[in-house]
Amino acid sequence: MDERMLERLRAYYQDLSRTDTLAGRCSMSLPPWLSGLRVIDVLCRSGKGAFKLSDAVGDAGFVLGVDPDKSCIERAIAAASGNHRSGHGWSRYLRFEQAFPENLVKAGVSDASYDAVYVNCGLADVFDLPAALAEFHRCLKPGGFLWVAEGVFRSARGYEDEASEEPAPMQPAPHRTLTIDVFAHLCRDAGFGRVEVGDVVPVPTSELALPEGCEFASLVVADIKATA
């Protein structure tokens, strides 16, 4: 990734507000087959989800939590011994690194080295979604999977969506979300095969805090599994 793109990513994630929106909630769904797997927790924030994932993968698994915000990573590391089941031995099972979703090489992730990539709620916060999906696919072993937990999507009813070639980074996250069908298309473009969609639940717009004057889109929440 060239320096110009890295600078755009730094500027975007530095200015990104990740509170007071649906993407800022820490509720999370887990797939039932995580035991023994190596998992990347993308946009891990301060590590609460990574600790939960580490419990799910057990001692035979491993979790890497990544986030663009250095302060989030510092808080996660500081909290690890008090929140991980192994106490001060947490680093045998869990690691935190500062990295962008679009550039997991920065976190030391080599090709085909993880079984699962996990994104909790914050999918709409990603700056360049096609690039991030391609990066997730690069990191996964054959047959590995991306799990989007409670991803926020636009309802297909009422408007048409299309994938933009150029991201619009400064728009509020719900205005940058796609329909589930468009997201599935992007997954396949990135190299994923089967895309499975869990229960789709409408989201009341009252749960979202958007800038005054923004029009609310019809939003839904869904769990999605995309297999590499």
Protein backbone atom coordinates (compact mmCIF):
# COMPACT_ATOMS: atom_id res chain seq x y z
CA MET A 1 0.00 0.00 0.00
CA ASP A 2 1.48 3.34 -1.04
CA GLU A 3 2.14 6.20 1.38
CA ARG A 4 -0.57 8.42 -0.13
CA MET A 5 -3.24 5.84 0.64
CA LEU A 6 -1.83 5.24 4.11
CA GLU A 7 -2.06 8.95 4.81
CA ARG A 8 -5.71 9.00 3.72
CA LEU A 9 -6.40 6.10 6.06
CA ARG A 10 -4.65 7.83 8.95
CA ALA A 11 -6.61 11.02 8.42
CA TYR A 12 -9.94 9.22 8.14
CA TYR A 13 -9.61 6.93 11.16
CA GLN A 14 -8.14 9.71 13.29
CA ASP A 15 -11.24 11.84 12.69
CA LEU A 16 -13.76 9.00 12.83
CA SER A 17 -16.36 9.26 15.57
CA ARG A 18 -17.12 5.78 16.91
CA THR A 19 -19.51 6.69 19.71
CA ASP A 20 -23.21 7.57 19.77
CA THR A 21 -23.92 5.43 16.71
CA LEU A 22 -25.15 1.91 16.25
CA ALA A 23 -21.64 0.89 15.19
CA GLY A 24 -20.36 2.01 18.58
CA ARG A 25 -22.38 -0.54 20.53
CA CYS A 26 -20.52 -3.53 21.96
CA SER A 27 -23.24 -6.19 21.64
CA MET A 28 -21.89 -9.08 19.61
CA SER A 29 -22.94 -12.42 18.18
CA LEU A 30 -20.55 -15.35 17.95
CA PRO A 31 -20.56 -18.23 15.49
CA PRO A 32 -20.81 -21.59 17.29
CA TRP A 33 -17.68 -23.15 15.79
CA LEU A 34 -14.78 -21.04 17.10
CA SER A 35 -13.04 -23.55 19.39
CA GLY A 36 -9.37 -23.94 18.47
CA LEU A 37 -9.44 -21.33 15.70
CA ARG A 38 -7.12 -18.41 14.98
CA VAL A 39 -9.27 -15.28 14.74
CA ILE A 40 -8.63 -11.63 13.83
CA ASP A 41 -10.94 -9.19 15.62
CA VAL A 42 -11.05 -6.17 13.28
CA LEU A 43 -11.89 -2.77 14.81
CA CYS A 44 -11.52 -4.30 18.26
CA ARG A 45 -11.77 -0.97 20.11
CA SER A 46 -10.66 -1.49 23.73
CA GLY A 47 -10.68 -5.28 23.59
CA LYS A 48 -13.96 -6.37 25.22
CA GLY A 49 -14.95 -8.39 22.18
CA ALA A 50 -11.46 -9.86 21.80
CA PHE A 51 -11.61 -11.17 25.37
CA LYS A 52 -14.95 -12.81 24.60
CA LEU A 53 -13.58 -14.28 21.39
CA SER A 54 -10.55 -15.62 23.26
CA ASP A 55 -12.84 -17.43 25.68
CA ALA A 56 -14.66 -18.93 22.69
CA VAL A 57 -11.54 -20.19 20.87
CA GLY A 58 -10.08 -21.61 24.09
CA ASP A 59 -6.49 -22.46 24.89
CA ALA A 60 -5.96 -24.16 21.52
CA GLY A 61 -6.95 -21.00 19.62
CA PHE A 62 -5.57 -17.49 19.29
CA VAL A 63 -7.08 -14.02 18.83
CA LEU A 64 -5.46 -10.95 17.27
CA GLY A 65 -7.25 -7.69 18.02
CA VAL A 66 -6.53 -4.82 15.62
CA ASP A 67 -7.71 -1.22 15.67
CA PRO A 68 -6.55 1.99 13.94
CA ASP A 69 -6.73 3.94 17.22
CA LYS A 70 -3.51 3.66 19.23
CA SER A 71 -5.27 4.67 22.44
CA CYS A 72 -7.75 1.80 22.01
CA ILE A 73 -4.90 -0.68 21.66
CA GLU A 74 -3.18 0.75 24.72
CA ARG A 75 -6.37 0.41 26.77
CA ALA A 76 -6.88 -3.16 25.55
CA ILE A 77 -3.35 -4.14 26.54
CA ALA A 78 -3.69 -2.46 29.93
CA ALA A 79 -6.97 -4.28 30.60
CA ALA A 80 -5.87 -7.70 29.35
CA SER A 81 -4.48 -9.23 32.54
CA GLY A 82 -7.63 -8.28 34.44
CA ASN A 83 -10.04 -9.52 31.76
CA HIS A 84 -8.44 -12.61 30.25
CA ARG A 85 -8.97 -15.99 31.87
CA SER A 86 -5.20 -16.61 32.10
CA GLY A 87 -4.44 -13.33 33.91
CA HIS A 88 -0.87 -12.22 33.28
CA GLY A 89 -0.40 -15.10 30.84
CA TRP A 90 -2.86 -13.58 28.38
CA SER A 91 -0.25 -12.90 25.69
CA ARG A 92 0.02 -16.64 24.95
CA TYR A 93 -3.54 -16.56 23.64
CA LEU A 94 -4.19 -12.96 22.60
CA ARG A 95 -2.39 -10.05 20.97
CA PHE A 96 -3.35 -6.45 20.19
CA GLU A 97 -1.87 -4.38 17.34
CA GLN A 98 -2.59 -0.98 15.81
CA ALA A 99 -3.54 -1.46 12.14
CA PHE A 100 -6.10 -0.40 9.55
CA PRO A 101 -8.67 -2.94 8.30
CA GLU A 102 -7.32 -2.27 4.80
CA ASN A 103 -3.70 -3.03 5.80
CA LEU A 104 -3.37 -5.92 8.25
CA VAL A 105 0.22 -6.46 7.13
CA LYS A 106 1.00 -3.69 9.64
CA ALA A 107 -0.17 -6.08 12.38
CA GLY A 108 2.14 -8.80 11.11
CA VAL A 109 -0.57 -10.89 9.45
CA SER A 110 0.82 -13.09 6.69
CA ASP A 111 -1.12 -14.69 3.85
CA ALA A 112 -3.52 -17.55 4.70
CA SER A 113 -2.58 -17.51 8.39
CA TYR A 114 -5.97 -17.20 10.17
CA ASP A 115 -9.15 -19.24 10.26
CA ALA A 116 -11.61 -16.39 10.75
CA VAL A 117 -11.91 -12.62 10.50
CA TYR A 118 -14.48 -11.11 12.85
CA VAL A 119 -16.05 -7.65 12.52
CA ASN A 120 -18.47 -6.58 15.25
CA CYS A 121 -20.97 -3.84 14.36
CA GLY A 122 -18.39 -1.48 12.85
CA LEU A 123 -18.49 -2.55 9.22
CA ALA A 124 -19.88 0.82 8.12
CA ASP A 125 -16.90 2.56 9.74
CA VAL A 126 -14.44 1.02 7.26
CA PHE A 127 -12.98 3.61 4.88
CA ASP A 128 -12.37 1.44 1.80
CA LEU A 129 -14.60 -1.61 2.09
CA PRO A 130 -13.50 -3.40 -1.13
CA ALA A 131 -9.85 -3.06 -0.08
CA ALA A 132 -10.63 -4.29 3.44
CA LEU A 133 -12.56 -7.31 2.15
CA ALA A 134 -9.67 -8.21 -0.15
CA GLU A 135 -7.30 -7.90 2.81
CA PHE A 136 -9.52 -10.14 4.97
CA HIS A 137 -9.54 -12.74 2.18
CA ARG A 138 -5.74 -12.56 1.93
CA CYS A 139 -5.38 -13.35 5.64
CA LEU A 140 -7.70 -16.35 5.63
CA LYS A 141 -6.76 -19.97 5.14
CA PRO A 142 -8.67 -21.82 2.40
CA GLY A 143 -12.11 -22.55 3.83
CA GLY A 144 -11.74 -19.80 6.45
CA PHE A 145 -14.50 -17.29 6.91
CA LEU A 146 -15.42 -13.68 7.55
CA TRP A 147 -18.07 -13.22 10.23
CA VAL A 148 -19.88 -9.87 10.31
CA ALA A 149 -21.64 -9.63 13.67
CA GLU A 150 -24.68 -7.35 13.72
CA GLY A 151 -23.59 -5.54 10.58
CA VAL A 152 -25.61 -2.44 9.73
CA PHE A 153 -27.05 -2.42 6.21
CA ARG A 154 -29.52 -0.40 4.21
CA SER A 155 -32.89 -1.92 3.60
CA ALA A 156 -33.35 -2.80 -0.07
CA ARG A 157 -36.84 -1.34 0.06
CA GLY A 158 -37.19 2.22 -1.12
CA TYR A 159 -33.95 2.86 -2.92
CA GLU A 160 -31.27 1.52 -5.19
CA ASP A 161 -27.66 1.06 -4.14
CA GLU A 162 -24.49 0.79 -6.11
CA ALA A 163 -20.90 0.27 -5.04
CA SER A 164 -18.86 3.44 -5.49
CA GLU A 165 -15.35 3.23 -6.90
CA GLU A 166 -14.23 6.12 -4.70
CA PRO A 167 -15.05 6.06 -0.96
CA ALA A 168 -16.77 9.05 0.60
CA PRO A 169 -14.93 8.97 3.92
CA MET A 170 -16.46 11.89 5.78
CA GLN A 171 -20.11 10.86 5.51
CA PRO A 172 -21.83 9.54 8.65
CA ALA A 173 -21.59 5.75 8.77
CA PRO A 174 -25.28 4.93 8.02
CA HIS A 175 -25.07 6.97 4.81
CA ARG A 176 -22.15 4.81 3.69
CA THR A 177 -23.82 1.46 4.35
CA LEU A 178 -24.86 -0.80 1.50
CA THR A 179 -27.68 -3.25 1.05
CA ILE A 180 -26.92 -6.83 2.00
CA ASP A 181 -27.04 -7.85 -1.67
CA VAL A 182 -24.43 -5.25 -2.63
CA PHE A 183 -22.24 -6.27 0.31
CA ALA A 184 -22.45 -9.91 -0.77
CA HIS A 185 -21.43 -8.86 -4.29
CA LEU A 186 -18.39 -7.03 -2.88
CA CYS A 187 -17.46 -10.14 -0.87
CA ARG A 188 -17.52 -12.25 -4.02
CA ASP A 189 -15.45 -9.64 -5.88
CA ALA A 190 -12.87 -9.93 -3.08
CA GLY A 191 -12.61 -13.68 -3.61
CA PHE A 192 -15.13 -15.06 -1.14
CA GLY A 193 -17.41 -17.86 -2.27
CA ARG A 194 -20.56 -18.66 -0.33
CA VAL A 195 -22.21 -15.76 1.52
CA GLU A 196 -24.76 -16.74 4.18
CA VAL A 197 -27.12 -14.23 5.82
CA GLY A 198 -28.62 -14.74 9.28
CA ASP A 199 -31.75 -13.11 10.67
CA VAL A 200 -32.33 -9.61 9.30
CA VAL A 201 -33.77 -7.24 11.93
CA PRO A 202 -35.01 -3.67 11.30
CA VAL A 203 -33.23 -0.95 13.27
CA PRO A 204 -35.29 1.91 14.73
CA THR A 205 -33.76 5.18 13.54
CA SER A 206 -34.20 6.54 17.06
CA GLU A 207 -31.21 4.40 18.09
CA LEU A 208 -28.89 6.40 15.84
CA ALA A 209 -27.41 9.80 16.58
CA LEU A 210 -26.75 11.55 13.27
CA PRO A 211 -25.85 15.19 12.65
CA GLU A 212 -28.81 17.56 12.48
CA GLY A 213 -30.23 17.81 8.98
CA CYS A 214 -29.22 14.30 7.88
CA GLU A 215 -31.97 12.17 6.43
CA PHE A 216 -32.42 8.76 8.06
CA ALA A 217 -32.13 5.72 5.86
CA SER A 218 -34.09 2.55 6.50
CA LEU A 219 -31.54 0.33 8.21
CA VAL A 220 -31.36 -3.33 9.13
CA VAL A 221 -28.96 -5.45 11.19
CA ALA A 222 -27.78 -8.92 10.15
CA ASP A 223 -25.11 -11.51 10.86
CA ILE A 224 -23.26 -12.57 7.70
CA LYS A 225 -20.77 -15.35 7.06
CA ALA A 226 -18.60 -15.23 3.92
CA THR A 227 -16.43 -18.28 3.23
CA ALA A 228 -13.03 -17.95 1.56
